[in-house]
């Protein structure tokens, strides 16, 4: 689906106090840049940022960084943050494939992937955020004991994700469900995204997995 270009989005994102510029310069020193030693949680493909901001409001002792490639999408999160002014939220306008150049070894405590683009064609499989190519990237900056949490309503993508993790010699599957909202354990404390509300209201079961190394 082609994203609609929003005039002025680039300028708003580049000038926002919440959007970190020259992010690679902070590699290896993110806690120093953030001014505390709190754990850093990363959402990749954050969209409009509701999930991230809800988490941040509930957990002020955790730093949250949202990654979104497109300024036309990130603009909405910036506008929301102008209202909320959460001190533990920052944004990056970056392609996820560049993240190992931005975060150093062990810098990230948790990674969230929510309703990622399924890239349905086989030739595009390496672009999926749960592909072994991306799992190898996350391995470069996820801390010991850190984990990856993935939610989707796309059953094919979820099956692919399970298979990629199970085939890995670095990652292990800790838990999964194909019907999150009827799973009393994995659904406890669940914070929904905009897409999650939309798809579940249409009767689509939500899948979730948790993986670690």
N, C-alpha and C. Protein backbone atom coordinates (compact mmCIF):
# COMPACT_ATOMS: atom_id res chain seq x y z
N UNK A 1 0.85 -1.19 0.00
CA UNK A 1 0.00 0.00 0.00
C UNK A 1 0.89 1.24 0.00
N UNK A 2 0.60 2.17 -0.90
CA UNK A 2 1.40 3.38 -1.00
C UNK A 2 1.00 4.36 0.11
N UNK A 3 1.98 4.86 0.82
CA UNK A 3 1.70 5.82 1.89
C UNK A 3 1.47 7.20 1.30
N UNK A 4 0.51 7.91 1.87
CA UNK A 4 0.22 9.25 1.42
C UNK A 4 1.26 10.21 1.98
N UNK A 5 1.87 10.97 1.08
CA UNK A 5 2.85 11.96 1.52
C UNK A 5 2.13 13.13 2.18
N UNK A 6 2.60 13.54 3.34
CA UNK A 6 2.00 14.67 4.04
C UNK A 6 2.96 15.84 3.98
N UNK A 7 2.57 16.92 3.32
CA UNK A 7 3.46 18.08 3.21
C UNK A 7 3.89 18.58 4.59
N UNK A 8 5.17 18.82 4.73
CA UNK A 8 5.70 19.36 5.99
C UNK A 8 6.09 18.31 7.00
N UNK A 9 5.79 17.03 6.72
CA UNK A 9 6.10 15.98 7.71
C UNK A 9 7.60 15.87 7.95
N UNK A 10 8.39 15.96 6.90
CA UNK A 10 9.84 15.86 7.06
C UNK A 10 10.37 16.94 7.99
N UNK A 11 9.87 18.14 7.80
CA UNK A 11 10.35 19.28 8.59
C UNK A 11 9.94 19.14 10.06
N UNK A 12 8.71 18.68 10.31
CA UNK A 12 8.24 18.52 11.69
C UNK A 12 9.06 17.45 12.40
N UNK A 13 9.30 16.33 11.74
CA UNK A 13 10.06 15.24 12.34
C UNK A 13 11.50 15.66 12.61
N UNK A 14 12.12 16.34 11.67
CA UNK A 14 13.53 16.72 11.82
C UNK A 14 13.73 17.78 12.90
N UNK A 15 12.68 18.53 13.22
CA UNK A 15 12.82 19.59 14.22
C UNK A 15 12.22 19.24 15.58
N UNK A 16 11.59 18.05 15.69
CA UNK A 16 10.93 17.68 16.94
C UNK A 16 11.94 17.34 18.02
N UNK A 17 11.67 17.77 19.25
CA UNK A 17 12.52 17.43 20.39
C UNK A 17 12.49 15.94 20.70
N UNK A 18 11.45 15.25 20.25
CA UNK A 18 11.30 13.83 20.56
C UNK A 18 11.96 12.93 19.52
N UNK A 19 12.34 13.49 18.39
CA UNK A 19 12.95 12.70 17.32
C UNK A 19 14.47 12.89 17.36
N UNK A 20 15.18 11.80 17.56
CA UNK A 20 16.63 11.87 17.73
C UNK A 20 17.30 11.92 16.36
N UNK A 21 18.10 12.93 16.16
CA UNK A 21 18.86 13.08 14.92
C UNK A 21 20.26 12.50 15.12
N UNK A 22 20.89 12.11 14.03
CA UNK A 22 22.26 11.56 14.09
C UNK A 22 22.35 10.46 15.15
N UNK A 23 21.40 9.53 15.09
CA UNK A 23 21.28 8.51 16.13
C UNK A 23 22.53 7.64 16.26
N UNK A 24 23.21 7.38 15.16
CA UNK A 24 24.38 6.49 15.21
C UNK A 24 25.50 7.05 16.08
N UNK A 25 25.49 8.36 16.30
CA UNK A 25 26.54 8.96 17.13
C UNK A 25 26.39 8.55 18.60
N UNK A 26 25.24 8.02 18.99
CA UNK A 26 25.01 7.61 20.38
C UNK A 26 25.23 6.11 20.59
N UNK A 27 25.67 5.43 19.56
CA UNK A 27 25.88 3.98 19.66
C UNK A 27 26.87 3.68 20.78
N UNK A 28 26.44 2.80 21.69
CA UNK A 28 27.27 2.42 22.81
C UNK A 28 27.15 3.33 24.02
N UNK A 29 26.41 4.43 23.89
CA UNK A 29 26.28 5.38 25.01
C UNK A 29 24.86 5.92 25.13
N UNK A 30 23.88 5.08 24.82
CA UNK A 30 22.50 5.55 24.84
C UNK A 30 22.03 5.95 26.24
N UNK A 31 22.41 5.22 27.26
CA UNK A 31 21.99 5.61 28.61
C UNK A 31 22.59 6.94 29.02
N UNK A 32 23.80 7.20 28.59
CA UNK A 32 24.40 8.51 28.85
C UNK A 32 23.61 9.60 28.15
N UNK A 33 23.26 9.37 26.91
CA UNK A 33 22.46 10.34 26.16
C UNK A 33 21.10 10.57 26.80
N UNK A 34 20.47 9.50 27.27
CA UNK A 34 19.14 9.60 27.87
C UNK A 34 19.19 10.13 29.29
N UNK A 35 20.36 10.13 29.89
CA UNK A 35 20.53 10.73 31.21
C UNK A 35 20.11 9.87 32.37
N UNK A 36 20.04 8.55 32.16
CA UNK A 36 19.71 7.64 33.25
C UNK A 36 20.19 6.24 32.90
N UNK A 37 20.08 5.33 33.86
CA UNK A 37 20.51 3.95 33.62
C UNK A 37 19.32 3.00 33.51
N UNK A 38 18.16 3.54 33.17
CA UNK A 38 16.97 2.72 33.03
C UNK A 38 17.08 1.83 31.79
N UNK A 39 16.45 0.66 31.80
CA UNK A 39 16.47 -0.20 30.61
C UNK A 39 15.82 0.49 29.42
N UNK A 40 16.25 0.10 28.24
CA UNK A 40 15.74 0.69 27.00
C UNK A 40 14.94 -0.36 26.25
N UNK A 41 13.69 -0.04 25.95
CA UNK A 41 12.82 -0.91 25.17
C UNK A 41 12.59 -0.26 23.81
N UNK A 42 12.59 -1.09 22.78
CA UNK A 42 12.54 -0.61 21.40
C UNK A 42 11.33 -1.18 20.70
N UNK A 43 10.51 -0.32 20.09
CA UNK A 43 9.44 -0.80 19.21
C UNK A 43 9.83 -0.48 17.78
N UNK A 44 9.88 -1.51 16.95
CA UNK A 44 10.28 -1.36 15.56
C UNK A 44 9.03 -1.39 14.69
N UNK A 45 8.82 -0.32 13.92
CA UNK A 45 7.60 -0.18 13.15
C UNK A 45 6.47 0.28 14.05
N UNK A 46 6.67 1.40 14.71
CA UNK A 46 5.77 1.86 15.77
C UNK A 46 4.49 2.51 15.27
N UNK A 47 4.44 2.84 13.97
CA UNK A 47 3.24 3.49 13.46
C UNK A 47 2.97 4.81 14.15
N UNK A 48 1.74 5.01 14.58
CA UNK A 48 1.36 6.28 15.22
C UNK A 48 1.76 6.35 16.69
N UNK A 49 2.27 5.26 17.25
CA UNK A 49 2.90 5.31 18.56
C UNK A 49 2.02 5.10 19.77
N UNK A 50 0.77 4.74 19.58
CA UNK A 50 -0.12 4.61 20.74
C UNK A 50 0.38 3.54 21.72
N UNK A 51 0.75 2.37 21.20
CA UNK A 51 1.23 1.27 22.06
C UNK A 51 2.42 1.73 22.89
N UNK A 52 3.38 2.35 22.24
CA UNK A 52 4.60 2.79 22.91
C UNK A 52 4.30 3.82 23.99
N UNK A 53 3.44 4.77 23.68
CA UNK A 53 3.13 5.83 24.64
C UNK A 53 2.30 5.31 25.81
N UNK A 54 1.41 4.36 25.57
CA UNK A 54 0.66 3.74 26.67
C UNK A 54 1.61 2.99 27.60
N UNK A 55 2.56 2.27 27.03
CA UNK A 55 3.56 1.58 27.85
C UNK A 55 4.39 2.56 28.66
N UNK A 56 4.83 3.63 28.01
CA UNK A 56 5.69 4.61 28.67
C UNK A 56 4.97 5.29 29.83
N UNK A 57 3.70 5.60 29.65
CA UNK A 57 2.95 6.24 30.72
C UNK A 57 2.80 5.32 31.92
N UNK A 58 2.72 4.02 31.66
CA UNK A 58 2.55 3.05 32.75
C UNK A 58 3.87 2.64 33.39
N UNK A 59 4.99 2.91 32.71
CA UNK A 59 6.30 2.46 33.19
C UNK A 59 7.32 3.59 33.09
N UNK A 60 7.26 4.56 33.97
CA UNK A 60 8.14 5.74 33.87
C UNK A 60 9.62 5.43 34.08
N UNK A 61 9.95 4.24 34.63
CA UNK A 61 11.34 3.89 34.86
C UNK A 61 11.94 3.06 33.73
N UNK A 62 11.30 3.09 32.57
CA UNK A 62 11.82 2.43 31.38
C UNK A 62 11.90 3.47 30.26
N UNK A 63 12.99 3.47 29.52
CA UNK A 63 13.13 4.32 28.34
C UNK A 63 12.53 3.60 27.14
N UNK A 64 11.70 4.30 26.39
CA UNK A 64 11.10 3.72 25.20
C UNK A 64 11.54 4.49 23.96
N UNK A 65 12.00 3.75 22.96
CA UNK A 65 12.38 4.36 21.69
C UNK A 65 11.57 3.68 20.60
N UNK A 66 10.85 4.48 19.84
CA UNK A 66 10.05 3.98 18.73
C UNK A 66 10.75 4.24 17.41
N UNK A 67 10.77 3.23 16.56
CA UNK A 67 11.41 3.33 15.25
C UNK A 67 10.33 3.28 14.18
N UNK A 68 10.31 4.28 13.32
CA UNK A 68 9.36 4.33 12.21
C UNK A 68 10.08 4.90 11.00
N UNK A 69 9.96 4.24 9.89
CA UNK A 69 10.71 4.62 8.69
C UNK A 69 10.13 5.85 7.99
N UNK A 70 8.81 6.02 8.06
CA UNK A 70 8.15 7.04 7.23
C UNK A 70 7.72 8.25 8.05
N UNK A 71 8.14 9.42 7.61
CA UNK A 71 7.80 10.65 8.34
C UNK A 71 6.31 10.92 8.33
N UNK A 72 5.62 10.52 7.28
CA UNK A 72 4.18 10.76 7.21
C UNK A 72 3.42 9.99 8.28
N UNK A 73 4.00 8.86 8.74
CA UNK A 73 3.41 8.09 9.84
C UNK A 73 3.91 8.62 11.18
N UNK A 74 5.20 8.86 11.27
CA UNK A 74 5.80 9.34 12.50
C UNK A 74 5.24 10.70 12.92
N UNK A 75 4.82 11.47 11.96
CA UNK A 75 4.23 12.78 12.25
C UNK A 75 3.11 12.67 13.27
N UNK A 76 2.26 11.67 13.15
CA UNK A 76 1.12 11.51 14.05
C UNK A 76 1.58 11.25 15.48
N UNK A 77 2.65 10.47 15.62
CA UNK A 77 3.20 10.20 16.95
C UNK A 77 3.79 11.47 17.56
N UNK A 78 4.47 12.26 16.74
CA UNK A 78 5.05 13.52 17.22
C UNK A 78 3.94 14.45 17.71
N UNK A 79 2.87 14.54 16.95
CA UNK A 79 1.76 15.40 17.35
C UNK A 79 1.14 14.94 18.67
N UNK A 80 1.04 13.62 18.86
CA UNK A 80 0.50 13.10 20.11
C UNK A 80 1.44 13.39 21.27
N UNK A 81 2.75 13.26 21.02
CA UNK A 81 3.71 13.53 22.07
C UNK A 81 3.74 15.01 22.45
N UNK A 82 3.41 15.88 21.54
CA UNK A 82 3.32 17.30 21.86
C UNK A 82 2.24 17.54 22.92
N UNK A 83 1.23 16.66 22.96
CA UNK A 83 0.18 16.75 23.97
C UNK A 83 0.59 16.07 25.28
N UNK A 84 1.22 14.89 25.17
CA UNK A 84 1.51 14.07 26.36
C UNK A 84 2.81 14.46 27.05
N UNK A 85 3.83 14.83 26.26
CA UNK A 85 5.14 15.24 26.81
C UNK A 85 5.71 14.20 27.76
N UNK A 86 5.72 12.95 27.36
CA UNK A 86 6.27 11.89 28.19
C UNK A 86 7.79 11.96 28.16
N UNK A 87 8.45 12.05 29.31
CA UNK A 87 9.91 12.22 29.32
C UNK A 87 10.68 10.98 28.94
N UNK A 88 10.06 9.82 28.94
CA UNK A 88 10.76 8.56 28.66
C UNK A 88 10.46 7.99 27.28
N UNK A 89 10.06 8.85 26.35
CA UNK A 89 9.76 8.43 24.98
C UNK A 89 10.59 9.23 23.99
N UNK A 90 11.20 8.53 23.05
CA UNK A 90 11.91 9.16 21.94
C UNK A 90 11.62 8.38 20.66
N UNK A 91 11.84 9.03 19.54
CA UNK A 91 11.57 8.42 18.24
C UNK A 91 12.80 8.46 17.35
N UNK A 92 12.88 7.47 16.46
CA UNK A 92 13.89 7.44 15.42
C UNK A 92 13.19 7.26 14.08
N UNK A 93 13.53 8.10 13.13
CA UNK A 93 13.05 7.92 11.76
C UNK A 93 14.16 7.19 11.01
N UNK A 94 14.09 5.87 11.02
CA UNK A 94 15.17 5.05 10.50
C UNK A 94 14.62 3.77 9.86
N UNK A 95 15.38 3.22 8.94
CA UNK A 95 15.11 1.90 8.40
C UNK A 95 15.62 0.88 9.42
N UNK A 96 14.81 -0.13 9.73
CA UNK A 96 15.18 -1.10 10.77
C UNK A 96 16.46 -1.85 10.44
N UNK A 97 16.80 -1.97 9.17
CA UNK A 97 18.01 -2.72 8.83
C UNK A 97 19.27 -2.01 9.31
N UNK A 98 19.16 -0.72 9.64
CA UNK A 98 20.31 0.05 10.10
C UNK A 98 20.51 0.02 11.61
N UNK A 99 19.65 -0.67 12.33
CA UNK A 99 19.69 -0.60 13.80
C UNK A 99 21.01 -1.08 14.42
N UNK A 100 21.69 -2.10 13.87
CA UNK A 100 22.98 -2.48 14.47
C UNK A 100 24.03 -1.37 14.38
N UNK A 101 23.84 -0.42 13.49
CA UNK A 101 24.76 0.72 13.40
C UNK A 101 24.39 1.81 14.39
N UNK A 102 23.22 1.68 15.01
CA UNK A 102 22.72 2.71 15.92
C UNK A 102 22.83 2.27 17.37
N UNK A 103 22.60 0.99 17.64
CA UNK A 103 22.65 0.47 19.01
C UNK A 103 23.81 -0.50 19.14
N UNK A 104 24.55 -0.36 20.25
CA UNK A 104 25.70 -1.22 20.50
C UNK A 104 25.31 -2.50 21.22
N UNK A 105 26.29 -3.32 21.47
CA UNK A 105 26.10 -4.61 22.11
C UNK A 105 25.42 -4.45 23.48
N UNK A 106 24.35 -5.20 23.68
CA UNK A 106 23.64 -5.29 24.97
C UNK A 106 22.89 -4.01 25.35
N UNK A 107 22.67 -3.09 24.44
CA UNK A 107 22.05 -1.80 24.81
C UNK A 107 20.53 -1.86 24.95
N UNK A 108 19.90 -2.83 24.32
CA UNK A 108 18.44 -2.88 24.31
C UNK A 108 17.94 -4.06 25.13
N UNK A 109 17.01 -3.80 26.04
CA UNK A 109 16.50 -4.84 26.93
C UNK A 109 15.30 -5.58 26.36
N UNK A 110 14.54 -4.94 25.49
CA UNK A 110 13.36 -5.59 24.92
C UNK A 110 13.04 -4.99 23.56
N UNK A 111 12.55 -5.84 22.67
CA UNK A 111 12.15 -5.43 21.33
C UNK A 111 10.68 -5.81 21.13
N UNK A 112 9.90 -4.85 20.66
CA UNK A 112 8.50 -5.10 20.31
C UNK A 112 8.32 -4.98 18.80
N UNK A 113 7.64 -5.96 18.22
CA UNK A 113 7.22 -5.92 16.83
C UNK A 113 5.71 -6.11 16.81
N UNK A 114 4.99 -5.14 16.33
CA UNK A 114 3.52 -5.20 16.36
C UNK A 114 2.95 -5.03 14.96
N UNK A 115 2.29 -6.07 14.46
CA UNK A 115 1.57 -6.01 13.20
C UNK A 115 2.47 -5.50 12.07
N UNK A 116 3.62 -6.15 11.98
CA UNK A 116 4.61 -5.78 10.98
C UNK A 116 4.11 -6.11 9.58
N UNK A 117 4.66 -5.41 8.60
CA UNK A 117 4.35 -5.67 7.19
C UNK A 117 4.65 -7.13 6.88
N UNK A 118 3.69 -7.90 6.35
CA UNK A 118 3.93 -9.33 6.10
C UNK A 118 4.81 -9.63 4.90
N UNK A 119 5.01 -8.65 4.02
CA UNK A 119 5.79 -8.90 2.79
C UNK A 119 5.45 -10.29 2.25
N UNK A 120 4.24 -10.47 1.69
CA UNK A 120 3.73 -11.81 1.38
C UNK A 120 4.48 -12.58 0.28
N UNK A 121 5.18 -11.87 -0.60
CA UNK A 121 5.87 -12.58 -1.68
C UNK A 121 7.14 -13.25 -1.15
N UNK A 122 7.39 -14.48 -1.59
CA UNK A 122 8.53 -15.24 -1.10
C UNK A 122 9.85 -14.50 -1.33
N UNK A 123 9.97 -13.80 -2.44
CA UNK A 123 11.23 -13.12 -2.74
C UNK A 123 11.51 -11.96 -1.79
N UNK A 124 10.48 -11.56 -1.03
CA UNK A 124 10.64 -10.46 -0.07
C UNK A 124 10.77 -10.96 1.37
N UNK A 125 10.93 -12.26 1.55
CA UNK A 125 10.93 -12.83 2.91
C UNK A 125 11.99 -12.20 3.80
N UNK A 126 13.14 -11.84 3.24
CA UNK A 126 14.22 -11.29 4.08
C UNK A 126 13.87 -9.91 4.62
N UNK A 127 12.82 -9.28 4.07
CA UNK A 127 12.39 -7.97 4.58
C UNK A 127 11.48 -8.08 5.79
N UNK A 128 10.95 -9.27 6.05
CA UNK A 128 10.06 -9.45 7.20
C UNK A 128 10.86 -9.25 8.48
N UNK A 129 10.28 -8.54 9.43
CA UNK A 129 11.01 -8.18 10.65
C UNK A 129 11.27 -9.36 11.58
N UNK A 130 10.71 -10.53 11.25
CA UNK A 130 11.00 -11.74 12.02
C UNK A 130 11.81 -12.74 11.19
N UNK A 131 12.36 -12.31 10.08
CA UNK A 131 13.20 -13.19 9.27
C UNK A 131 14.52 -13.45 9.98
N UNK A 132 15.24 -14.48 9.56
CA UNK A 132 16.51 -14.78 10.23
C UNK A 132 17.52 -13.66 10.01
N UNK A 133 17.37 -12.93 8.89
CA UNK A 133 18.25 -11.78 8.67
C UNK A 133 18.06 -10.72 9.75
N UNK A 134 16.80 -10.45 10.11
CA UNK A 134 16.54 -9.46 11.15
C UNK A 134 16.83 -10.02 12.53
N UNK A 135 16.57 -11.29 12.74
CA UNK A 135 16.91 -11.89 14.04
C UNK A 135 18.41 -11.77 14.30
N UNK A 136 19.21 -11.95 13.25
CA UNK A 136 20.66 -11.78 13.40
C UNK A 136 21.02 -10.34 13.75
N UNK A 137 20.27 -9.40 13.21
CA UNK A 137 20.52 -7.98 13.54
C UNK A 137 20.19 -7.70 15.00
N UNK A 138 19.04 -8.20 15.46
CA UNK A 138 18.65 -7.96 16.84
C UNK A 138 19.65 -8.57 17.82
N UNK A 139 20.21 -9.70 17.43
CA UNK A 139 21.18 -10.38 18.29
C UNK A 139 22.39 -9.50 18.58
N UNK A 140 22.66 -8.54 17.72
CA UNK A 140 23.83 -7.69 17.89
C UNK A 140 23.66 -6.64 18.98
N UNK A 141 22.41 -6.34 19.35
CA UNK A 141 22.24 -5.28 20.36
C UNK A 141 21.29 -5.62 21.50
N UNK A 142 20.65 -6.79 21.47
CA UNK A 142 19.77 -7.18 22.57
C UNK A 142 20.60 -7.69 23.75
N UNK A 143 20.27 -7.21 24.94
CA UNK A 143 21.03 -7.56 26.14
C UNK A 143 20.79 -9.01 26.56
N UNK A 144 21.72 -9.59 27.32
CA UNK A 144 21.48 -10.92 27.89
C UNK A 144 20.20 -10.88 28.74
N UNK A 145 19.37 -11.86 28.58
CA UNK A 145 18.10 -11.88 29.30
C UNK A 145 17.03 -11.04 28.62
N UNK A 146 17.40 -10.35 27.55
CA UNK A 146 16.42 -9.56 26.81
C UNK A 146 15.49 -10.44 26.00
N UNK A 147 14.39 -9.88 25.54
CA UNK A 147 13.45 -10.69 24.78
C UNK A 147 12.80 -9.91 23.65
N UNK A 148 12.25 -10.68 22.74
CA UNK A 148 11.53 -10.16 21.59
C UNK A 148 10.06 -10.54 21.73
N UNK A 149 9.15 -9.57 21.56
CA UNK A 149 7.72 -9.84 21.59
C UNK A 149 7.11 -9.43 20.26
N UNK A 150 6.36 -10.34 19.66
CA UNK A 150 5.79 -10.11 18.34
C UNK A 150 4.31 -10.41 18.35
N UNK A 151 3.51 -9.48 17.82
CA UNK A 151 2.06 -9.69 17.68
C UNK A 151 1.65 -9.48 16.23
N UNK A 152 0.69 -10.28 15.78
CA UNK A 152 0.20 -10.16 14.41
C UNK A 152 -1.16 -10.84 14.30
N UNK A 153 -1.93 -10.41 13.32
CA UNK A 153 -3.17 -11.12 13.00
C UNK A 153 -2.98 -11.97 11.74
N UNK A 154 -1.78 -11.91 11.15
CA UNK A 154 -1.50 -12.62 9.91
C UNK A 154 -0.97 -14.02 10.23
N UNK A 155 -1.79 -15.03 10.00
CA UNK A 155 -1.43 -16.39 10.39
C UNK A 155 -0.22 -16.90 9.60
N UNK A 156 -0.11 -16.55 8.33
CA UNK A 156 1.02 -17.01 7.53
C UNK A 156 2.32 -16.39 8.02
N UNK A 157 2.29 -15.11 8.32
CA UNK A 157 3.48 -14.45 8.84
C UNK A 157 3.86 -15.02 10.21
N UNK A 158 2.85 -15.32 11.01
CA UNK A 158 3.13 -15.87 12.34
C UNK A 158 3.77 -17.25 12.24
N UNK A 159 3.26 -18.08 11.34
CA UNK A 159 3.86 -19.41 11.13
C UNK A 159 5.30 -19.26 10.66
N UNK A 160 5.53 -18.36 9.72
CA UNK A 160 6.89 -18.09 9.25
C UNK A 160 7.79 -17.67 10.40
N UNK A 161 7.29 -16.82 11.27
CA UNK A 161 8.08 -16.31 12.40
C UNK A 161 8.45 -17.43 13.36
N UNK A 162 7.49 -18.30 13.65
CA UNK A 162 7.77 -19.45 14.52
C UNK A 162 8.86 -20.33 13.91
N UNK A 163 8.76 -20.56 12.62
CA UNK A 163 9.73 -21.43 11.95
C UNK A 163 11.12 -20.80 11.93
N UNK A 164 11.21 -19.49 11.74
CA UNK A 164 12.50 -18.82 11.73
C UNK A 164 13.18 -18.91 13.10
N UNK A 165 12.40 -18.73 14.15
CA UNK A 165 12.97 -18.82 15.51
C UNK A 165 13.39 -20.24 15.83
N UNK A 166 12.53 -21.21 15.50
CA UNK A 166 12.83 -22.60 15.81
C UNK A 166 14.04 -23.12 15.02
N UNK A 167 14.30 -22.53 13.85
CA UNK A 167 15.44 -22.94 13.03
C UNK A 167 16.73 -22.27 13.46
N UNK A 168 16.64 -21.28 14.33
CA UNK A 168 17.82 -20.53 14.74
C UNK A 168 18.61 -21.26 15.81
N UNK A 169 19.93 -21.15 15.74
CA UNK A 169 20.77 -21.72 16.79
C UNK A 169 21.08 -20.71 17.89
N UNK A 170 20.51 -19.50 17.79
CA UNK A 170 20.73 -18.46 18.78
C UNK A 170 19.47 -18.12 19.57
N UNK A 171 18.32 -18.29 18.93
CA UNK A 171 17.06 -17.88 19.53
C UNK A 171 16.26 -19.07 19.99
N UNK A 172 15.43 -18.86 21.02
CA UNK A 172 14.52 -19.91 21.48
C UNK A 172 13.14 -19.31 21.70
N UNK A 173 12.14 -20.12 21.48
CA UNK A 173 10.76 -19.71 21.65
C UNK A 173 10.35 -19.95 23.09
N UNK A 174 9.96 -18.88 23.79
CA UNK A 174 9.58 -18.99 25.20
C UNK A 174 8.09 -19.25 25.37
N UNK A 175 7.27 -18.64 24.52
CA UNK A 175 5.82 -18.82 24.63
C UNK A 175 5.17 -18.32 23.34
N UNK A 176 4.01 -18.88 23.02
CA UNK A 176 3.26 -18.35 21.88
C UNK A 176 1.80 -18.76 21.99
N UNK A 177 0.96 -18.00 21.31
CA UNK A 177 -0.47 -18.31 21.22
C UNK A 177 -0.98 -17.80 19.88
N UNK A 178 -1.99 -18.46 19.37
CA UNK A 178 -2.65 -18.00 18.14
C UNK A 178 -4.00 -17.34 18.45
N UNK A 179 -4.27 -17.14 19.73
CA UNK A 179 -5.50 -16.47 20.13
C UNK A 179 -5.25 -15.72 21.43
N UNK A 180 -4.50 -14.63 21.32
CA UNK A 180 -4.02 -13.90 22.48
C UNK A 180 -5.13 -13.50 23.43
N UNK A 181 -6.21 -12.97 22.92
CA UNK A 181 -7.25 -12.41 23.78
C UNK A 181 -8.03 -13.46 24.55
N UNK A 182 -7.82 -14.74 24.21
CA UNK A 182 -8.43 -15.83 24.98
C UNK A 182 -7.38 -16.66 25.70
N UNK A 183 -6.17 -16.12 25.80
CA UNK A 183 -5.10 -16.79 26.53
C UNK A 183 -4.90 -16.05 27.84
N UNK A 184 -5.32 -16.61 28.97
CA UNK A 184 -5.29 -15.87 30.24
C UNK A 184 -3.88 -15.52 30.71
N UNK A 185 -2.89 -16.27 30.27
CA UNK A 185 -1.52 -16.01 30.71
C UNK A 185 -0.89 -14.91 29.86
N UNK A 186 -0.83 -15.08 28.55
CA UNK A 186 -0.16 -14.11 27.68
C UNK A 186 -0.96 -12.82 27.52
N UNK A 187 -2.26 -12.89 27.77
CA UNK A 187 -3.06 -11.67 27.63
C UNK A 187 -3.05 -10.80 28.88
N UNK A 188 -2.50 -11.30 29.97
CA UNK A 188 -2.49 -10.52 31.20
C UNK A 188 -1.64 -9.25 31.01
N UNK A 189 -2.24 -8.10 31.26
CA UNK A 189 -1.54 -6.83 31.11
C UNK A 189 -1.33 -6.40 29.67
N UNK A 190 -1.97 -7.07 28.73
CA UNK A 190 -1.79 -6.75 27.31
C UNK A 190 -2.24 -5.32 27.00
N UNK A 191 -1.39 -4.59 26.29
CA UNK A 191 -1.73 -3.26 25.79
C UNK A 191 -1.97 -3.37 24.29
N UNK A 192 -3.12 -2.97 23.85
CA UNK A 192 -3.47 -3.13 22.44
C UNK A 192 -2.97 -1.95 21.59
N UNK A 193 -2.67 -2.28 20.36
CA UNK A 193 -2.34 -1.26 19.36
C UNK A 193 -3.61 -0.88 18.60
N UNK A 194 -3.50 0.16 17.77
CA UNK A 194 -4.65 0.54 16.95
C UNK A 194 -5.06 -0.61 16.03
N UNK A 195 -4.07 -1.26 15.40
CA UNK A 195 -4.38 -2.37 14.51
C UNK A 195 -4.98 -3.54 15.27
N UNK A 196 -4.51 -3.78 16.46
CA UNK A 196 -5.03 -4.89 17.26
C UNK A 196 -6.51 -4.69 17.56
N UNK A 197 -6.88 -3.49 17.93
CA UNK A 197 -8.29 -3.20 18.18
C UNK A 197 -9.11 -3.39 16.91
N UNK A 198 -8.59 -2.89 15.80
CA UNK A 198 -9.30 -2.97 14.53
C UNK A 198 -9.51 -4.41 14.11
N UNK A 199 -8.42 -5.19 14.09
CA UNK A 199 -8.51 -6.56 13.58
C UNK A 199 -9.30 -7.46 14.52
N UNK A 200 -9.14 -7.29 15.82
CA UNK A 200 -9.89 -8.13 16.75
C UNK A 200 -11.38 -7.82 16.71
N UNK A 201 -11.72 -6.55 16.44
CA UNK A 201 -13.14 -6.19 16.32
C UNK A 201 -13.78 -6.81 15.08
N UNK A 202 -12.93 -7.18 14.11
CA UNK A 202 -13.40 -7.85 12.90
C UNK A 202 -13.47 -9.36 13.08
N UNK A 203 -13.09 -9.83 14.27
CA UNK A 203 -13.14 -11.26 14.55
C UNK A 203 -11.86 -12.00 14.26
N UNK A 204 -10.79 -11.26 13.93
CA UNK A 204 -9.51 -11.91 13.64
C UNK A 204 -8.78 -12.25 14.95
N UNK A 205 -8.41 -13.49 15.17
CA UNK A 205 -7.62 -13.81 16.37
C UNK A 205 -6.24 -13.19 16.28
N UNK A 206 -5.72 -12.74 17.40
CA UNK A 206 -4.41 -12.11 17.46
C UNK A 206 -3.38 -13.12 17.94
N UNK A 207 -2.29 -13.21 17.21
CA UNK A 207 -1.20 -14.12 17.57
C UNK A 207 -0.11 -13.36 18.31
N UNK A 208 0.56 -14.06 19.22
CA UNK A 208 1.68 -13.45 19.93
C UNK A 208 2.74 -14.51 20.23
N UNK A 209 4.00 -14.10 20.11
CA UNK A 209 5.09 -14.96 20.55
C UNK A 209 6.09 -14.15 21.35
N UNK A 210 6.80 -14.84 22.22
CA UNK A 210 7.90 -14.26 23.00
C UNK A 210 9.12 -15.14 22.76
N UNK A 211 10.23 -14.51 22.40
CA UNK A 211 11.46 -15.24 22.11
C UNK A 211 12.63 -14.59 22.82
N UNK A 212 13.66 -15.39 23.11
CA UNK A 212 14.87 -14.88 23.72
C UNK A 212 16.04 -15.69 23.21
N UNK A 213 17.25 -15.37 23.69
CA UNK A 213 18.41 -16.14 23.28
C UNK A 213 18.86 -17.05 24.41
